[in-house]
Amino acid sequence: TQTEFFANPTWALPEQFNLDNYVYAFTRGDVALNYRNSLLVTLPSVALIVFLGVAAGYALEIMIWKGRRTTLLLVMAGIMVPGQMILVPLFTVYFRIGITDTLWPMILTYTAMGIPLTTFLMAAYFRSLPREIFEAATMDGCSPLRSFFVIAMPLMKNAMLTIALVQFFSVFNDLLIALTFTTRPELATIQVGLLSLSDEFGSTAYGPLFAAISINIIVLLIVFIFLNKKIMAGLAAGSVKG
């Protein structure tokens, strides 16, 4: 309880175990709704980031065309742009096209901010693959589009999974962008929803807050535990020249 929290040391166990804080978090804090919004924002964003990043990395490293090195440098420049610089201009654009009262501003912003880093990493992964694989496919009559879907994507599945998980954790745990583009409580993600457990006078319900945080963490922890080996394989994939 709140009284126990302030009366006992930080490491002390509760006097009795109950689920009241979790019930409070789900009812007062709308954790279920916030969790749904987080997934509705995170899953499409990650899917777009990974697909577009893989496609861009393939185009920049496997396909040969004039200006691809310059384009890669421009993509790398996008990594260095702080997200805080573009939030206000983006909000103005979203307001003018009439999508501020939806989840789309968050999805589009996360996608745009995730593509540069994903493209850079995917280009490095493609650089480690033997070019002879794609040259042989071209000589056999395979088009660049078919080569991308049939050869490139299967070879990059570990790298794609690694990037997807990194972006998933980044998007799911973000507060700044979600707080900027959340125009009403029904659109709040789990990170924004945690703020609802503090009232306008700064008083915080610590029991429900930590219950909501544990709910927030447990799913991410389960995903990481079960996919840990895949993550390690993906991280090592781009470090060795084929």
C-alpha atoms as a PDB file:
ATOM      1  CA  THR A   1       0.000   0.000   0.000  1.00  0.00           C
ATOM      2  CA  GLN A   2       0.981   3.663  -0.210  1.00  0.00           C
ATOM      3  CA  THR A   3       1.449   3.791   3.569  1.00  0.00           C
ATOM      4  CA  GLU A   4       3.734   0.739   3.545  1.00  0.00           C
ATOM      5  CA  PHE A   5       5.773   2.227   0.708  1.00  0.00           C
ATOM      6  CA  PHE A   6       6.677   5.334   2.705  1.00  0.00           C
ATOM      7  CA  ALA A   7       6.928   3.632   6.109  1.00  0.00           C
ATOM      8  CA  ASN A   8       9.342   0.851   5.111  1.00  0.00           C
ATOM      9  CA  PRO A   9      12.757   0.781   3.403  1.00  0.00           C
ATOM     10  CA  THR A  10      12.860   0.462  -0.381  1.00  0.00           C
ATOM     11  CA  TRP A  11      13.942  -3.196  -0.244  1.00  0.00           C
ATOM     12  CA  ALA A  12      11.266  -4.265   2.270  1.00  0.00           C
ATOM     13  CA  LEU A  13       8.679  -6.871   1.269  1.00  0.00           C
ATOM     14  CA  PRO A  14       4.949  -6.080   1.576  1.00  0.00           C
ATOM     15  CA  GLU A  15       3.173  -7.090   4.776  1.00  0.00           C
ATOM     16  CA  GLN A  16       0.657  -9.134   2.777  1.00  0.00           C
ATOM     17  CA  PHE A  17       0.514 -10.201  -0.863  1.00  0.00           C
ATOM     18  CA  ASN A  18      -2.523  -9.195  -2.922  1.00  0.00           C
ATOM     19  CA  LEU A  19      -3.398  -8.075  -6.439  1.00  0.00           C
ATOM     20  CA  ASP A  20      -5.065  -4.778  -5.513  1.00  0.00           C
ATOM     21  CA  ASN A  21      -2.366  -2.691  -7.180  1.00  0.00           C
ATOM     22  CA  TYR A  22      -2.744  -4.613 -10.441  1.00  0.00           C
ATOM     23  CA  VAL A  23      -6.521  -4.179 -10.341  1.00  0.00           C
ATOM     24  CA  TYR A  24      -6.048  -0.457  -9.717  1.00  0.00           C
ATOM     25  CA  ALA A  25      -3.583  -0.221 -12.615  1.00  0.00           C
ATOM     26  CA  PHE A  26      -6.014  -1.893 -15.018  1.00  0.00           C
ATOM     27  CA  THR A  27      -9.041   0.163 -13.915  1.00  0.00           C
ATOM     28  CA  ARG A  28      -7.710   3.600 -12.989  1.00  0.00           C
ATOM     29  CA  GLY A  29      -4.626   3.467 -15.189  1.00  0.00           C
ATOM     30  CA  ASP A  30      -6.297   1.877 -18.262  1.00  0.00           C
ATOM     31  CA  VAL A  31      -3.268  -0.382 -18.703  1.00  0.00           C
ATOM     32  CA  ALA A  32      -5.113  -2.776 -21.042  1.00  0.00           C
ATOM     33  CA  LEU A  33      -6.147   0.059 -23.398  1.00  0.00           C
ATOM     34  CA  ASN A  34      -2.690   1.619 -23.260  1.00  0.00           C
ATOM     35  CA  TYR A  35      -1.057  -1.739 -23.979  1.00  0.00           C
ATOM     36  CA  ARG A  36      -3.328  -2.239 -26.991  1.00  0.00           C
ATOM     37  CA  ASN A  37      -2.429   1.209 -28.324  1.00  0.00           C
ATOM     38  CA  SER A  38       1.274   0.474 -27.864  1.00  0.00           C
ATOM     39  CA  LEU A  39       0.969  -2.716 -29.910  1.00  0.00           C
ATOM     40  CA  LEU A  40      -1.157  -0.993 -32.579  1.00  0.00           C
ATOM     41  CA  VAL A  41       1.590   1.608 -32.954  1.00  0.00           C
ATOM     42  CA  THR A  42       4.649  -0.598 -32.500  1.00  0.00           C
ATOM     43  CA  LEU A  43       3.859  -3.566 -34.754  1.00  0.00           C
ATOM     44  CA  PRO A  44       3.062  -1.593 -37.965  1.00  0.00           C
ATOM     45  CA  SER A  45       5.979   0.759 -37.304  1.00  0.00           C
ATOM     46  CA  VAL A  46       8.464  -2.083 -36.881  1.00  0.00           C
ATOM     47  CA  ALA A  47       7.114  -3.924 -39.942  1.00  0.00           C
ATOM     48  CA  LEU A  48       7.512  -0.804 -42.106  1.00  0.00           C
ATOM     49  CA  ILE A  49      10.945   0.012 -40.684  1.00  0.00           C
ATOM     50  CA  VAL A  50      12.308  -3.484 -41.315  1.00  0.00           C
ATOM     51  CA  PHE A  51      10.823  -3.946 -44.794  1.00  0.00           C
ATOM     52  CA  LEU A  52      11.797  -0.496 -46.070  1.00  0.00           C
ATOM     53  CA  GLY A  53      15.213  -0.709 -44.393  1.00  0.00           C
ATOM     54  CA  VAL A  54      15.977  -4.099 -45.958  1.00  0.00           C
ATOM     55  CA  ALA A  55      14.794  -2.885 -49.361  1.00  0.00           C
ATOM     56  CA  ALA A  56      16.930   0.251 -49.103  1.00  0.00           C
ATOM     57  CA  GLY A  57      19.975  -1.721 -47.940  1.00  0.00           C
ATOM     58  CA  TYR A  58      19.531  -4.126 -50.863  1.00  0.00           C
ATOM     59  CA  ALA A  59      19.260  -1.254 -53.333  1.00  0.00           C
ATOM     60  CA  LEU A  60      22.331   0.490 -51.929  1.00  0.00           C
ATOM     61  CA  GLU A  61      24.663  -2.521 -51.689  1.00  0.00           C
ATOM     62  CA  ILE A  62      23.526  -5.151 -54.197  1.00  0.00           C
ATOM     63  CA  MET A  63      22.099  -3.120 -57.053  1.00  0.00           C
ATOM     64  CA  ILE A  64      24.590  -1.042 -59.047  1.00  0.00           C
ATOM     65  CA  TRP A  65      23.470   2.452 -60.012  1.00  0.00           C
ATOM     66  CA  LYS A  66      24.976   5.898 -60.158  1.00  0.00           C
ATOM     67  CA  GLY A  67      24.829   7.899 -56.945  1.00  0.00           C
ATOM     68  CA  ARG A  68      24.237   5.034 -54.529  1.00  0.00           C
ATOM     69  CA  ARG A  69      27.237   5.964 -52.345  1.00  0.00           C
ATOM     70  CA  THR A  70      26.026   9.546 -52.093  1.00  0.00           C
ATOM     71  CA  THR A  71      22.577   8.271 -51.206  1.00  0.00           C
ATOM     72  CA  LEU A  72      24.043   6.096 -48.451  1.00  0.00           C
ATOM     73  CA  LEU A  73      25.839   9.133 -47.018  1.00  0.00           C
ATOM     74  CA  LEU A  74      22.553  11.053 -47.000  1.00  0.00           C
ATOM     75  CA  VAL A  75      20.900   8.164 -45.186  1.00  0.00           C
ATOM     76  CA  MET A  76      23.704   8.185 -42.622  1.00  0.00           C
ATOM     77  CA  ALA A  77      23.170  11.927 -42.169  1.00  0.00           C
ATOM     78  CA  GLY A  78      19.586  11.153 -41.198  1.00  0.00           C
ATOM     79  CA  ILE A  79      20.888   9.154 -38.225  1.00  0.00           C
ATOM     80  CA  MET A  80      22.492  12.291 -36.808  1.00  0.00           C
ATOM     81  CA  VAL A  81      19.307  14.391 -36.840  1.00  0.00           C
ATOM     82  CA  PRO A  82      17.892  14.599 -33.278  1.00  0.00           C
ATOM     83  CA  GLY A  83      14.258  13.566 -33.159  1.00  0.00           C
ATOM     84  CA  GLN A  84      13.402  16.512 -30.914  1.00  0.00           C
ATOM     85  CA  MET A  85      14.177  18.919 -33.776  1.00  0.00           C
ATOM     86  CA  ILE A  86      11.415  17.635 -36.035  1.00  0.00           C
ATOM     87  CA  LEU A  87       8.546  17.010 -33.616  1.00  0.00           C
ATOM     88  CA  VAL A  88       6.969  20.478 -33.804  1.00  0.00           C
ATOM     89  CA  PRO A  89       7.185  20.731 -37.633  1.00  0.00           C
ATOM     90  CA  LEU A  90       5.762  17.213 -37.908  1.00  0.00           C
ATOM     91  CA  PHE A  91       2.887  18.056 -35.567  1.00  0.00           C
ATOM     92  CA  THR A  92       2.072  21.064 -37.759  1.00  0.00           C
ATOM     93  CA  VAL A  93       2.066  18.901 -40.889  1.00  0.00           C
ATOM     94  CA  TYR A  94      -0.097  16.223 -39.279  1.00  0.00           C
ATOM     95  CA  PHE A  95      -2.542  18.873 -38.054  1.00  0.00           C
ATOM     96  CA  ARG A  96      -2.889  20.357 -41.539  1.00  0.00           C
ATOM     97  CA  ILE A  97      -3.639  16.997 -43.154  1.00  0.00           C
ATOM     98  CA  GLY A  98      -6.081  16.114 -40.375  1.00  0.00           C
ATOM     99  CA  ILE A  99      -4.599  12.995 -38.771  1.00  0.00           C
ATOM    100  CA  THR A 100      -3.652  14.357 -35.329  1.00  0.00           C
ATOM    101  CA  ASP A 101      -6.602  12.617 -33.640  1.00  0.00           C
ATOM    102  CA  THR A 102      -5.375   9.146 -34.655  1.00  0.00           C
ATOM    103  CA  LEU A 103      -2.442   6.809 -34.063  1.00  0.00           C
ATOM    104  CA  TRP A 104      -0.998   7.537 -37.516  1.00  0.00           C
ATOM    105  CA  PRO A 105       1.274  10.433 -36.434  1.00  0.00           C
ATOM    106  CA  MET A 106       3.149   8.093 -34.095  1.00  0.00           C
ATOM    107  CA  ILE A 107       3.367   5.294 -36.681  1.00  0.00           C
ATOM    108  CA  LEU A 108       4.677   7.612 -39.410  1.00  0.00           C
ATOM    109  CA  THR A 109       7.148   9.350 -37.098  1.00  0.00           C
ATOM    110  CA  TYR A 110       8.589   6.130 -35.679  1.00  0.00           C
ATOM    111  CA  THR A 111       8.921   4.716 -39.195  1.00  0.00           C
ATOM    112  CA  ALA A 112      10.678   7.800 -40.554  1.00  0.00           C
ATOM    113  CA  MET A 113      13.077   7.954 -37.614  1.00  0.00           C
ATOM    114  CA  GLY A 114      13.853   4.228 -37.676  1.00  0.00           C
ATOM    115  CA  ILE A 115      14.579   3.833 -41.390  1.00  0.00           C
ATOM    116  CA  PRO A 116      18.024   5.582 -41.546  1.00  0.00           C
ATOM    117  CA  LEU A 117      19.672   3.403 -38.880  1.00  0.00           C
ATOM    118  CA  THR A 118      18.004   0.249 -40.201  1.00  0.00           C
ATOM    119  CA  THR A 119      19.131   1.031 -43.748  1.00  0.00           C
ATOM    120  CA  PHE A 120      22.709   1.611 -42.595  1.00  0.00           C
ATOM    121  CA  LEU A 121      22.807  -1.671 -40.658  1.00  0.00           C
ATOM    122  CA  MET A 122      21.158  -3.660 -43.440  1.00  0.00           C
ATOM    123  CA  ALA A 123      23.614  -2.234 -45.956  1.00  0.00           C
ATOM    124  CA  ALA A 124      26.435  -3.507 -43.728  1.00  0.00           C
ATOM    125  CA  TYR A 125      24.810  -6.952 -43.555  1.00  0.00           C
ATOM    126  CA  PHE A 126      24.393  -7.093 -47.339  1.00  0.00           C
ATOM    127  CA  ARG A 127      28.016  -6.020 -47.745  1.00  0.00           C
ATOM    128  CA  SER A 128      29.067  -9.180 -45.885  1.00  0.00           C
ATOM    129  CA  LEU A 129      27.238 -11.464 -48.338  1.00  0.00           C
ATOM    130  CA  PRO A 130      29.046 -12.844 -51.416  1.00  0.00           C
ATOM    131  CA  ARG A 131      27.979 -10.813 -54.452  1.00  0.00           C
ATOM    132  CA  GLU A 132      28.413 -13.938 -56.590  1.00  0.00           C
ATOM    133  CA  ILE A 133      25.085 -15.234 -55.239  1.00  0.00           C
ATOM    134  CA  PHE A 134      23.169 -12.339 -56.754  1.00  0.00           C
ATOM    135  CA  GLU A 135      25.288 -12.248 -59.915  1.00  0.00           C
ATOM    136  CA  ALA A 136      24.533 -15.936 -60.536  1.00  0.00           C
ATOM    137  CA  ALA A 137      20.831 -15.292 -59.994  1.00  0.00           C
ATOM    138  CA  THR A 138      20.928 -12.431 -62.500  1.00  0.00           C
ATOM    139  CA  MET A 139      22.672 -14.627 -65.089  1.00  0.00           C
ATOM    140  CA  ASP A 140      19.928 -17.228 -64.606  1.00  0.00           C
ATOM    141  CA  GLY A 141      17.326 -14.618 -65.507  1.00  0.00           C
ATOM    142  CA  CYS A 142      16.222 -13.609 -62.002  1.00  0.00           C
ATOM    143  CA  SER A 143      14.949 -10.037 -61.855  1.00  0.00           C
ATOM    144  CA  PRO A 144      16.154  -7.676 -59.086  1.00  0.00           C
ATOM    145  CA  LEU A 145      12.699  -7.746 -57.476  1.00  0.00           C
ATOM    146  CA  ARG A 146      12.528 -11.537 -57.435  1.00  0.00           C
ATOM    147  CA  SER A 147      16.128 -11.737 -56.249  1.00  0.00           C
ATOM    148  CA  PHE A 148      15.197  -9.502 -53.325  1.00  0.00           C
ATOM    149  CA  PHE A 149      12.253 -11.622 -52.179  1.00  0.00           C
ATOM    150  CA  VAL A 150      13.613 -15.099 -53.030  1.00  0.00           C
ATOM    151  CA  ILE A 151      17.314 -14.720 -52.166  1.00  0.00           C
ATOM    152  CA  ALA A 152      17.992 -11.611 -50.103  1.00  0.00           C
ATOM    153  CA  MET A 153      15.203 -11.792 -47.541  1.00  0.00           C
ATOM    154  CA  PRO A 154      15.726 -15.483 -46.604  1.00  0.00           C
ATOM    155  CA  LEU A 155      19.459 -14.851 -46.188  1.00  0.00           C
ATOM    156  CA  MET A 156      18.762 -11.847 -43.977  1.00  0.00           C
ATOM    157  CA  LYS A 157      16.173 -13.386 -41.646  1.00  0.00           C
ATOM    158  CA  ASN A 158      18.433 -13.370 -38.558  1.00  0.00           C
ATOM    159  CA  ALA A 159      19.519  -9.799 -39.233  1.00  0.00           C
ATOM    160  CA  MET A 160      15.911  -8.768 -39.850  1.00  0.00           C
ATOM    161  CA  LEU A 161      14.810 -10.345 -36.578  1.00  0.00           C
ATOM    162  CA  THR A 162      17.589  -8.570 -34.693  1.00  0.00           C
ATOM    163  CA  ILE A 163      16.717  -5.187 -36.187  1.00  0.00           C
ATOM    164  CA  ALA A 164      13.015  -5.831 -35.598  1.00  0.00           C
ATOM    165  CA  LEU A 165      13.583  -6.543 -31.904  1.00  0.00           C
ATOM    166  CA  VAL A 166      15.857  -3.530 -31.433  1.00  0.00           C
ATOM    167  CA  GLN A 167      13.296  -1.275 -33.101  1.00  0.00           C
ATOM    168  CA  PHE A 168      10.452  -2.952 -31.193  1.00  0.00           C
ATOM    169  CA  PHE A 169      12.069  -2.157 -27.844  1.00  0.00           C
ATOM    170  CA  SER A 170      12.885   1.383 -28.980  1.00  0.00           C
ATOM    171  CA  VAL A 171       9.380   2.191 -30.232  1.00  0.00           C
ATOM    172  CA  PHE A 172       7.520   0.394 -27.457  1.00  0.00           C
ATOM    173  CA  ASN A 173       9.504   2.153 -24.714  1.00  0.00           C
ATOM    174  CA  ASP A 174       9.415   5.631 -26.249  1.00  0.00           C
ATOM    175  CA  LEU A 175       7.744   8.404 -24.265  1.00  0.00           C
ATOM    176  CA  LEU A 176       8.659  11.701 -25.966  1.00  0.00           C
ATOM    177  CA  ILE A 177       7.077  11.072 -29.371  1.00  0.00           C
ATOM    178  CA  ALA A 178       4.055   9.308 -27.905  1.00  0.00           C
ATOM    179  CA  LEU A 179       3.481  12.148 -25.439  1.00  0.00           C
ATOM    180  CA  THR A 180       3.834  14.767 -28.182  1.00  0.00           C
ATOM    181  CA  PHE A 181       1.295  13.193 -30.531  1.00  0.00           C
ATOM    182  CA  THR A 182      -1.191  11.872 -27.952  1.00  0.00           C
ATOM    183  CA  THR A 183      -4.121  14.287 -28.224  1.00  0.00           C
ATOM    184  CA  ARG A 184      -6.558  12.423 -25.948  1.00  0.00           C
ATOM    185  CA  PRO A 185      -6.367   9.689 -23.271  1.00  0.00           C
ATOM    186  CA  GLU A 186      -7.896   7.042 -25.555  1.00  0.00           C
ATOM    187  CA  LEU A 187      -4.775   7.243 -27.767  1.00  0.00           C
ATOM    188  CA  ALA A 188      -2.217   6.976 -24.958  1.00  0.00           C
ATOM    189  CA  THR A 189       0.435   4.265 -25.176  1.00  0.00           C
ATOM    190  CA  ILE A 190       1.589   2.319 -22.132  1.00  0.00           C
ATOM    191  CA  GLN A 191       4.441   4.760 -21.442  1.00  0.00           C
ATOM    192  CA  VAL A 192       2.095   7.762 -21.535  1.00  0.00           C
ATOM    193  CA  GLY A 193      -0.481   5.825 -19.531  1.00  0.00           C
ATOM    194  CA  LEU A 194       1.979   5.426 -16.661  1.00  0.00           C
ATOM    195  CA  LEU A 195       1.794   9.190 -16.194  1.00  0.00           C
ATOM    196  CA  SER A 196      -1.918   8.906 -15.415  1.00  0.00           C
ATOM    197  CA  LEU A 197      -0.983   7.267 -12.127  1.00  0.00           C
ATOM    198  CA  SER A 198       0.258  10.687 -10.980  1.00  0.00           C
ATOM    199  CA  ASP A 199      -2.360  13.354 -10.311  1.00  0.00           C
ATOM    200  CA  GLU A 200      -2.223  17.054 -11.178  1.00  0.00           C
ATOM    201  CA  PHE A 201      -0.697  17.881  -7.783  1.00  0.00           C
ATOM    202  CA  GLY A 202       2.281  15.575  -8.282  1.00  0.00           C
ATOM    203  CA  SER A 203       1.084  12.796  -5.972  1.00  0.00           C
ATOM    204  CA  THR A 204       2.026   9.350  -7.285  1.00  0.00           C
ATOM    205  CA  ALA A 205       0.295   6.051  -6.521  1.00  0.00           C
ATOM    206  CA  TYR A 206       3.504   4.044  -6.247  1.00  0.00           C
ATOM    207  CA  GLY A 207       1.920   0.625  -5.757  1.00  0.00           C
ATOM    208  CA  PRO A 208      -0.177   0.732  -8.954  1.00  0.00           C
ATOM    209  CA  LEU A 209       2.679   2.488 -10.764  1.00  0.00           C
ATOM    210  CA  PHE A 210       5.157  -0.314 -10.093  1.00  0.00           C
ATOM    211  CA  ALA A 211       2.462  -2.895 -10.887  1.00  0.00           C
ATOM    212  CA  ALA A 212       1.924  -1.231 -14.280  1.00  0.00           C
ATOM    213  CA  ILE A 213       5.684  -1.076 -14.867  1.00  0.00           C
ATOM    214  CA  SER A 214       6.019  -4.801 -14.138  1.00  0.00           C
ATOM    215  CA  ILE A 215       3.223  -5.522 -16.642  1.00  0.00           C
ATOM    216  CA  ASN A 216       5.044  -3.333 -19.146  1.00  0.00           C
ATOM    217  CA  ILE A 217       8.351  -5.128 -18.663  1.00  0.00           C
ATOM    218  CA  ILE A 218       7.286  -8.764 -18.426  1.00  0.00           C
ATOM    219  CA  VAL A 219       6.219  -9.164 -22.071  1.00  0.00           C
ATOM    220  CA  LEU A 220       9.420  -7.555 -23.357  1.00  0.00           C
ATOM    221  CA  LEU A 221      11.449  -9.759 -21.027  1.00  0.00           C
ATOM    222  CA  ILE A 222       9.735 -12.930 -22.254  1.00  0.00           C
ATOM    223  CA  VAL A 223      10.339 -11.949 -25.897  1.00  0.00           C
ATOM    224  CA  PHE A 224      14.014 -11.263 -25.219  1.00  0.00           C
ATOM    225  CA  ILE A 225      14.560 -14.516 -23.298  1.00  0.00           C
ATOM    226  CA  PHE A 226      13.061 -16.708 -26.018  1.00  0.00           C
ATOM    227  CA  LEU A 227      14.713 -14.883 -28.929  1.00  0.00           C
ATOM    228  CA  ASN A 228      18.086 -14.189 -27.311  1.00  0.00           C
ATOM    229  CA  LYS A 229      19.981 -16.684 -29.504  1.00  0.00           C
ATOM    230  CA  LYS A 230      18.443 -15.255 -32.659  1.00  0.00           C
ATOM    231  CA  ILE A 231      19.511 -11.775 -31.575  1.00  0.00           C
ATOM    232  CA  MET A 232      23.104 -12.911 -31.031  1.00  0.00           C
ATOM    233  CA  ALA A 233      23.143 -14.669 -34.413  1.00  0.00           C
ATOM    234  CA  GLY A 234      21.859 -11.553 -36.119  1.00  0.00           C
ATOM    235  CA  LEU A 235      24.410  -9.308 -34.424  1.00  0.00           C
ATOM    236  CA  ALA A 236      27.241 -11.590 -35.554  1.00  0.00           C
ATOM    237  CA  ALA A 237      25.923 -11.933 -39.109  1.00  0.00           C
ATOM    238  CA  GLY A 238      27.251  -8.614 -40.348  1.00  0.00           C
ATOM    239  CA  SER A 239      30.624  -8.839 -38.627  1.00  0.00           C
ATOM    240  CA  VAL A 240      32.168 -11.475 -40.894  1.00  0.00           C
ATOM    241  CA  LYS A 241      32.923 -10.938 -44.563  1.00  0.00           C
ATOM    242  CA  GLY A 242      31.539 -13.792 -46.648  1.00  0.00           C
END
